[in-house]
Amino acid sequence: MINTVTIVGNMGQDPEIRYTAGGVPVANFTVAVNEVYTAKDGQKIKKVHWFRVTAFQRLAEIVAEYCTKGSKIGVRGQLQYRQWQDGEGFNRSLVEIRARELELLSGKNGNQSAAEEEIPAAEVEDDVPF
């Protein structure tokens, strides 16, 4: 089976960076992807789809250094389904993208075009810390 998803959109907020007990950086962020289509009646419909994304290791560091709310970013990764029980005993679930590759389309912190500055390659190895 193949489990690959690619999205291009804008970051919904500054990335949230944390570290595992072993010191591995983890970045969590959301990406908004716009969809525009024409309905049967000819009216243009605009929708925004939100995706939760998690990046590990060097990808997390790159997101933390180069991206802020509004930055345009391309993400390629795998869909990951997680389930857990919250502190009040309720079952929770979440589908997110586990990033494997990033393409920074806005430049550092969204201030200049990516062509104007050198941005390190952003690809992660298959090993995920947990």
N, C-alpha and C. Protein backbone atom coordinates (compact mmCIF):
# COMPACT_ATOMS: atom_id res chain seq x y z
N MET A 1 0.82 -1.19 0.00
CA MET A 1 0.00 0.00 0.00
C MET A 1 0.87 1.25 0.00
N ILE A 2 0.33 2.31 -0.53
CA ILE A 2 1.02 3.59 -0.55
C ILE A 2 0.26 4.55 0.35
N ASN A 3 0.98 5.24 1.20
CA ASN A 3 0.40 6.23 2.10
C ASN A 3 1.21 7.51 1.96
N THR A 4 0.88 8.29 0.93
CA THR A 4 1.60 9.53 0.67
C THR A 4 0.59 10.63 0.41
N VAL A 5 0.85 11.77 1.00
CA VAL A 5 0.00 12.94 0.79
C VAL A 5 0.91 14.14 0.55
N THR A 6 0.49 15.03 -0.36
CA THR A 6 1.23 16.25 -0.64
C THR A 6 0.26 17.42 -0.57
N ILE A 7 0.62 18.44 0.18
CA ILE A 7 -0.19 19.65 0.27
C ILE A 7 0.69 20.88 0.10
N VAL A 8 0.10 21.95 -0.39
CA VAL A 8 0.76 23.24 -0.47
C VAL A 8 -0.23 24.26 0.08
N GLY A 9 0.22 25.03 1.06
CA GLY A 9 -0.67 26.02 1.67
C GLY A 9 0.11 26.97 2.56
N ASN A 10 -0.62 27.63 3.45
CA ASN A 10 -0.01 28.59 4.36
C ASN A 10 -0.11 28.10 5.79
N MET A 11 0.96 28.36 6.55
CA MET A 11 0.96 27.95 7.96
C MET A 11 -0.07 28.76 8.73
N GLY A 12 -0.84 28.06 9.56
CA GLY A 12 -1.91 28.69 10.31
C GLY A 12 -1.45 29.41 11.56
N GLN A 13 -0.29 29.04 12.08
CA GLN A 13 0.29 29.70 13.25
C GLN A 13 1.78 29.39 13.27
N ASP A 14 2.50 30.06 14.16
CA ASP A 14 3.92 29.75 14.31
C ASP A 14 4.05 28.29 14.76
N PRO A 15 5.08 27.59 14.30
CA PRO A 15 5.23 26.19 14.71
C PRO A 15 5.48 26.08 16.21
N GLU A 16 4.96 25.02 16.77
CA GLU A 16 5.16 24.72 18.20
C GLU A 16 6.28 23.69 18.28
N ILE A 17 7.39 24.05 18.89
CA ILE A 17 8.55 23.17 18.96
C ILE A 17 8.69 22.61 20.37
N ARG A 18 8.92 21.30 20.44
CA ARG A 18 9.20 20.66 21.72
C ARG A 18 10.26 19.60 21.47
N TYR A 19 10.73 18.99 22.53
CA TYR A 19 11.79 17.99 22.42
C TYR A 19 11.37 16.73 23.16
N THR A 20 11.69 15.58 22.58
CA THR A 20 11.40 14.31 23.25
C THR A 20 12.36 14.16 24.42
N ALA A 21 12.13 13.16 25.26
CA ALA A 21 13.02 12.90 26.39
C ALA A 21 14.45 12.65 25.92
N GLY A 22 14.59 12.14 24.71
CA GLY A 22 15.91 11.87 24.14
C GLY A 22 16.52 13.07 23.43
N GLY A 23 15.83 14.21 23.45
CA GLY A 23 16.36 15.43 22.85
C GLY A 23 16.05 15.62 21.37
N VAL A 24 15.16 14.81 20.82
CA VAL A 24 14.81 14.92 19.41
C VAL A 24 13.79 16.05 19.22
N PRO A 25 14.06 17.02 18.34
CA PRO A 25 13.11 18.10 18.11
C PRO A 25 11.87 17.62 17.36
N VAL A 26 10.71 18.15 17.78
CA VAL A 26 9.42 17.84 17.16
C VAL A 26 8.71 19.16 16.93
N ALA A 27 8.25 19.39 15.70
CA ALA A 27 7.49 20.60 15.38
C ALA A 27 6.06 20.22 15.02
N ASN A 28 5.11 20.90 15.62
CA ASN A 28 3.69 20.73 15.29
C ASN A 28 3.19 22.05 14.72
N PHE A 29 2.43 21.96 13.65
CA PHE A 29 1.86 23.15 13.03
C PHE A 29 0.67 22.77 12.17
N THR A 30 -0.08 23.77 11.74
CA THR A 30 -1.20 23.54 10.85
C THR A 30 -0.94 24.24 9.53
N VAL A 31 -1.51 23.68 8.47
CA VAL A 31 -1.40 24.27 7.14
C VAL A 31 -2.81 24.42 6.58
N ALA A 32 -3.10 25.62 6.08
CA ALA A 32 -4.40 25.90 5.45
C ALA A 32 -4.23 25.79 3.94
N VAL A 33 -5.07 24.99 3.32
CA VAL A 33 -5.06 24.82 1.88
C VAL A 33 -6.38 25.33 1.33
N ASN A 34 -6.29 26.27 0.39
CA ASN A 34 -7.49 26.87 -0.19
C ASN A 34 -7.98 26.05 -1.37
N GLU A 35 -9.29 25.93 -1.46
CA GLU A 35 -9.94 25.26 -2.59
C GLU A 35 -10.97 26.24 -3.15
N VAL A 36 -10.92 26.46 -4.45
CA VAL A 36 -11.89 27.32 -5.11
C VAL A 36 -12.49 26.54 -6.27
N TYR A 37 -13.81 26.51 -6.33
CA TYR A 37 -14.47 25.83 -7.43
C TYR A 37 -15.77 26.55 -7.77
N THR A 38 -16.32 26.22 -8.92
CA THR A 38 -17.56 26.83 -9.37
C THR A 38 -18.70 25.85 -9.16
N ALA A 39 -19.72 26.29 -8.46
CA ALA A 39 -20.90 25.46 -8.20
C ALA A 39 -21.74 25.34 -9.47
N LYS A 40 -22.72 24.45 -9.44
CA LYS A 40 -23.60 24.24 -10.59
C LYS A 40 -24.30 25.52 -11.02
N ASP A 41 -24.59 26.40 -10.05
CA ASP A 41 -25.29 27.65 -10.37
C ASP A 41 -24.34 28.74 -10.86
N GLY A 42 -23.04 28.43 -11.03
CA GLY A 42 -22.07 29.39 -11.54
C GLY A 42 -21.38 30.22 -10.47
N GLN A 43 -21.79 30.06 -9.22
CA GLN A 43 -21.21 30.83 -8.11
C GLN A 43 -19.86 30.22 -7.70
N LYS A 44 -18.86 31.08 -7.49
CA LYS A 44 -17.55 30.60 -7.03
C LYS A 44 -17.63 30.30 -5.54
N ILE A 45 -17.16 29.12 -5.18
CA ILE A 45 -17.16 28.67 -3.79
C ILE A 45 -15.70 28.59 -3.33
N LYS A 46 -15.43 29.17 -2.16
CA LYS A 46 -14.09 29.11 -1.58
C LYS A 46 -14.16 28.34 -0.28
N LYS A 47 -13.26 27.37 -0.12
CA LYS A 47 -13.18 26.58 1.11
C LYS A 47 -11.74 26.57 1.58
N VAL A 48 -11.57 26.47 2.89
CA VAL A 48 -10.24 26.32 3.47
C VAL A 48 -10.22 24.98 4.20
N HIS A 49 -9.23 24.17 3.86
CA HIS A 49 -9.04 22.87 4.52
C HIS A 49 -7.82 22.99 5.42
N TRP A 50 -7.95 22.56 6.67
CA TRP A 50 -6.86 22.63 7.65
C TRP A 50 -6.26 21.25 7.86
N PHE A 51 -4.93 21.21 7.87
CA PHE A 51 -4.19 19.97 8.09
C PHE A 51 -3.23 20.16 9.24
N ARG A 52 -3.21 19.19 10.17
CA ARG A 52 -2.21 19.17 11.24
C ARG A 52 -1.00 18.43 10.71
N VAL A 53 0.19 18.98 10.99
CA VAL A 53 1.43 18.39 10.50
C VAL A 53 2.41 18.27 11.66
N THR A 54 3.15 17.16 11.69
CA THR A 54 4.21 16.95 12.66
C THR A 54 5.49 16.65 11.90
N ALA A 55 6.56 17.36 12.27
CA ALA A 55 7.88 17.14 11.66
C ALA A 55 8.86 16.79 12.78
N PHE A 56 9.82 15.92 12.47
CA PHE A 56 10.80 15.47 13.44
C PHE A 56 12.21 15.81 12.98
N GLN A 57 13.12 15.78 13.91
CA GLN A 57 14.56 15.89 13.69
C GLN A 57 14.89 17.16 12.91
N ARG A 58 15.67 17.05 11.85
CA ARG A 58 16.13 18.23 11.11
C ARG A 58 14.96 19.00 10.48
N LEU A 59 13.93 18.29 10.04
CA LEU A 59 12.77 18.99 9.48
C LEU A 59 12.14 19.91 10.52
N ALA A 60 12.06 19.46 11.75
CA ALA A 60 11.49 20.29 12.83
C ALA A 60 12.35 21.53 13.04
N GLU A 61 13.66 21.37 13.01
CA GLU A 61 14.56 22.51 13.18
C GLU A 61 14.40 23.52 12.04
N ILE A 62 14.26 23.03 10.82
CA ILE A 62 14.09 23.91 9.67
C ILE A 62 12.78 24.68 9.77
N VAL A 63 11.71 24.01 10.14
CA VAL A 63 10.41 24.68 10.31
C VAL A 63 10.53 25.77 11.37
N ALA A 64 11.19 25.45 12.48
CA ALA A 64 11.33 26.42 13.57
C ALA A 64 12.13 27.64 13.13
N GLU A 65 13.15 27.42 12.32
CA GLU A 65 14.03 28.51 11.92
C GLU A 65 13.47 29.36 10.78
N TYR A 66 12.77 28.74 9.83
CA TYR A 66 12.41 29.43 8.61
C TYR A 66 10.93 29.77 8.46
N CYS A 67 10.06 29.24 9.30
CA CYS A 67 8.62 29.40 9.08
C CYS A 67 7.92 30.11 10.22
N THR A 68 6.95 30.92 9.87
CA THR A 68 6.08 31.58 10.84
C THR A 68 4.67 31.54 10.29
N LYS A 69 3.72 32.00 11.06
CA LYS A 69 2.34 32.07 10.63
C LYS A 69 2.26 32.78 9.27
N GLY A 70 1.56 32.17 8.33
CA GLY A 70 1.40 32.75 7.01
C GLY A 70 2.41 32.29 5.98
N SER A 71 3.50 31.66 6.41
CA SER A 71 4.51 31.18 5.46
C SER A 71 3.90 30.17 4.51
N LYS A 72 4.24 30.29 3.24
CA LYS A 72 3.78 29.31 2.26
C LYS A 72 4.73 28.13 2.29
N ILE A 73 4.16 26.92 2.37
CA ILE A 73 4.97 25.72 2.56
C ILE A 73 4.34 24.56 1.81
N GLY A 74 5.19 23.70 1.28
CA GLY A 74 4.75 22.45 0.68
C GLY A 74 5.18 21.32 1.61
N VAL A 75 4.30 20.38 1.83
CA VAL A 75 4.57 19.26 2.73
C VAL A 75 4.24 17.96 2.01
N ARG A 76 5.18 17.01 2.08
CA ARG A 76 4.93 15.66 1.59
C ARG A 76 5.19 14.73 2.74
N GLY A 77 4.27 13.81 2.97
CA GLY A 77 4.45 12.89 4.08
C GLY A 77 3.41 11.80 4.06
N GLN A 78 3.17 11.24 5.24
CA GLN A 78 2.24 10.14 5.40
C GLN A 78 1.12 10.54 6.34
N LEU A 79 -0.08 10.04 6.05
CA LEU A 79 -1.18 10.24 6.99
C LEU A 79 -0.99 9.30 8.16
N GLN A 80 -1.18 9.84 9.35
CA GLN A 80 -1.00 9.08 10.59
C GLN A 80 -2.27 9.23 11.42
N TYR A 81 -2.82 8.13 11.88
CA TYR A 81 -4.01 8.14 12.73
C TYR A 81 -3.59 7.81 14.15
N ARG A 82 -3.97 8.68 15.09
CA ARG A 82 -3.63 8.43 16.49
C ARG A 82 -4.90 8.42 17.33
N GLN A 83 -4.91 7.58 18.35
CA GLN A 83 -6.00 7.51 19.32
C GLN A 83 -5.41 7.57 20.72
N TRP A 84 -6.13 8.21 21.64
CA TRP A 84 -5.69 8.26 23.03
C TRP A 84 -6.90 8.59 23.90
N GLN A 85 -6.68 8.47 25.19
CA GLN A 85 -7.71 8.82 26.16
C GLN A 85 -7.23 10.06 26.91
N ASP A 86 -8.07 11.10 26.94
CA ASP A 86 -7.65 12.33 27.60
C ASP A 86 -7.73 12.19 29.12
N GLY A 87 -7.36 13.24 29.83
CA GLY A 87 -7.32 13.22 31.29
C GLY A 87 -8.67 13.00 31.93
N GLU A 88 -9.76 13.27 31.19
CA GLU A 88 -11.10 13.06 31.73
C GLU A 88 -11.70 11.73 31.31
N GLY A 89 -10.90 10.89 30.63
CA GLY A 89 -11.36 9.56 30.26
C GLY A 89 -12.08 9.49 28.91
N PHE A 90 -12.12 10.60 28.16
CA PHE A 90 -12.77 10.59 26.85
C PHE A 90 -11.80 10.09 25.79
N ASN A 91 -12.32 9.28 24.87
CA ASN A 91 -11.52 8.80 23.76
C ASN A 91 -11.35 9.93 22.74
N ARG A 92 -10.15 10.14 22.29
CA ARG A 92 -9.83 11.17 21.31
C ARG A 92 -9.11 10.52 20.13
N SER A 93 -9.23 11.13 18.96
CA SER A 93 -8.50 10.65 17.80
C SER A 93 -8.11 11.83 16.92
N LEU A 94 -7.13 11.59 16.07
CA LEU A 94 -6.58 12.66 15.25
C LEU A 94 -5.93 12.05 14.02
N VAL A 95 -6.14 12.69 12.88
CA VAL A 95 -5.42 12.33 11.67
C VAL A 95 -4.50 13.50 11.36
N GLU A 96 -3.22 13.21 11.17
CA GLU A 96 -2.25 14.26 10.89
C GLU A 96 -1.30 13.79 9.80
N ILE A 97 -0.54 14.72 9.28
CA ILE A 97 0.49 14.39 8.30
C ILE A 97 1.82 14.32 9.03
N ARG A 98 2.51 13.22 8.90
CA ARG A 98 3.87 13.09 9.42
C ARG A 98 4.80 13.48 8.28
N ALA A 99 5.40 14.66 8.39
CA ALA A 99 6.19 15.22 7.30
C ALA A 99 7.45 14.40 7.03
N ARG A 100 7.72 14.17 5.76
CA ARG A 100 8.94 13.51 5.31
C ARG A 100 9.79 14.47 4.47
N GLU A 101 9.11 15.42 3.80
CA GLU A 101 9.79 16.42 2.98
C GLU A 101 9.06 17.75 3.13
N LEU A 102 9.82 18.83 3.09
CA LEU A 102 9.25 20.17 3.15
C LEU A 102 9.80 20.99 2.00
N GLU A 103 8.96 21.86 1.47
CA GLU A 103 9.42 22.83 0.49
C GLU A 103 9.01 24.20 1.01
N LEU A 104 9.99 25.03 1.25
CA LEU A 104 9.74 26.37 1.79
C LEU A 104 9.55 27.31 0.61
N LEU A 105 8.35 27.85 0.49
CA LEU A 105 7.99 28.64 -0.68
C LEU A 105 7.98 30.14 -0.43
N SER A 106 8.14 30.56 0.83
CA SER A 106 8.10 31.98 1.18
C SER A 106 9.46 32.56 1.51
N GLY A 107 10.46 31.75 1.75
CA GLY A 107 11.73 32.26 2.24
C GLY A 107 11.69 32.34 3.76
N LYS A 108 12.77 32.81 4.35
CA LYS A 108 12.89 32.83 5.80
C LYS A 108 11.81 33.69 6.43
N ASN A 109 11.04 33.09 7.33
CA ASN A 109 9.98 33.76 8.08
C ASN A 109 9.00 34.50 7.18
N GLY A 110 8.85 34.04 5.92
CA GLY A 110 7.86 34.62 5.03
C GLY A 110 8.22 35.99 4.50
N ASN A 111 9.46 36.48 4.73
CA ASN A 111 9.81 37.85 4.39
C ASN A 111 10.35 38.05 2.98
N GLN A 112 10.92 37.03 2.37
CA GLN A 112 11.45 37.19 1.03
C GLN A 112 11.21 35.92 0.25
N SER A 113 11.36 36.00 -1.05
CA SER A 113 11.09 34.81 -1.85
C SER A 113 12.18 33.78 -1.61
N ALA A 114 11.82 32.53 -1.77
CA ALA A 114 12.76 31.44 -1.53
C ALA A 114 13.95 31.52 -2.47
N ALA A 115 13.79 32.12 -3.66
CA ALA A 115 14.88 32.23 -4.61
C ALA A 115 15.95 33.21 -4.14
N GLU A 116 15.63 34.10 -3.23
CA GLU A 116 16.56 35.12 -2.78
C GLU A 116 17.50 34.65 -1.68
N GLU A 117 17.24 33.50 -1.08
CA GLU A 117 18.11 33.06 -0.01
C GLU A 117 18.31 31.56 -0.07
N GLU A 118 19.41 31.12 0.47
CA GLU A 118 19.73 29.71 0.46
C GLU A 118 19.06 29.04 1.65
N ILE A 119 18.25 28.04 1.36
CA ILE A 119 17.53 27.31 2.40
C ILE A 119 18.02 25.87 2.33
N PRO A 120 18.36 25.27 3.46
CA PRO A 120 18.88 23.91 3.44
C PRO A 120 17.85 22.91 2.94
N ALA A 121 18.34 21.83 2.37
CA ALA A 121 17.45 20.75 1.92
C ALA A 121 16.69 20.22 3.11
N ALA A 122 15.44 19.89 2.89
CA ALA A 122 14.58 19.47 3.99
C ALA A 122 13.99 18.11 3.68
N GLU A 123 14.70 17.09 4.07
CA GLU A 123 14.21 15.74 3.90
C GLU A 123 14.60 14.95 5.13
N VAL A 124 13.74 14.06 5.58
CA VAL A 124 14.01 13.31 6.80
C VAL A 124 14.25 11.85 6.45
N GLU A 125 15.04 11.22 7.27
CA GLU A 125 15.27 9.80 7.11
C GLU A 125 14.04 9.05 7.60
N ASP A 126 13.98 7.76 7.32
CA ASP A 126 12.82 6.96 7.69
C ASP A 126 12.68 6.73 9.18
N ASP A 127 13.74 6.91 9.95
CA ASP A 127 13.67 6.65 11.39
C ASP A 127 12.94 7.77 12.09
N VAL A 128 11.85 7.43 12.76
CA VAL A 128 11.11 8.38 13.57
C VAL A 128 11.37 7.99 15.02
N PRO A 129 11.59 8.96 15.90
CA PRO A 129 12.06 8.63 17.25
C PRO A 129 11.09 7.85 18.13
N PHE A 130 9.87 7.62 17.72
CA PHE A 130 8.97 6.79 18.51
C PHE A 130 7.94 6.11 17.69
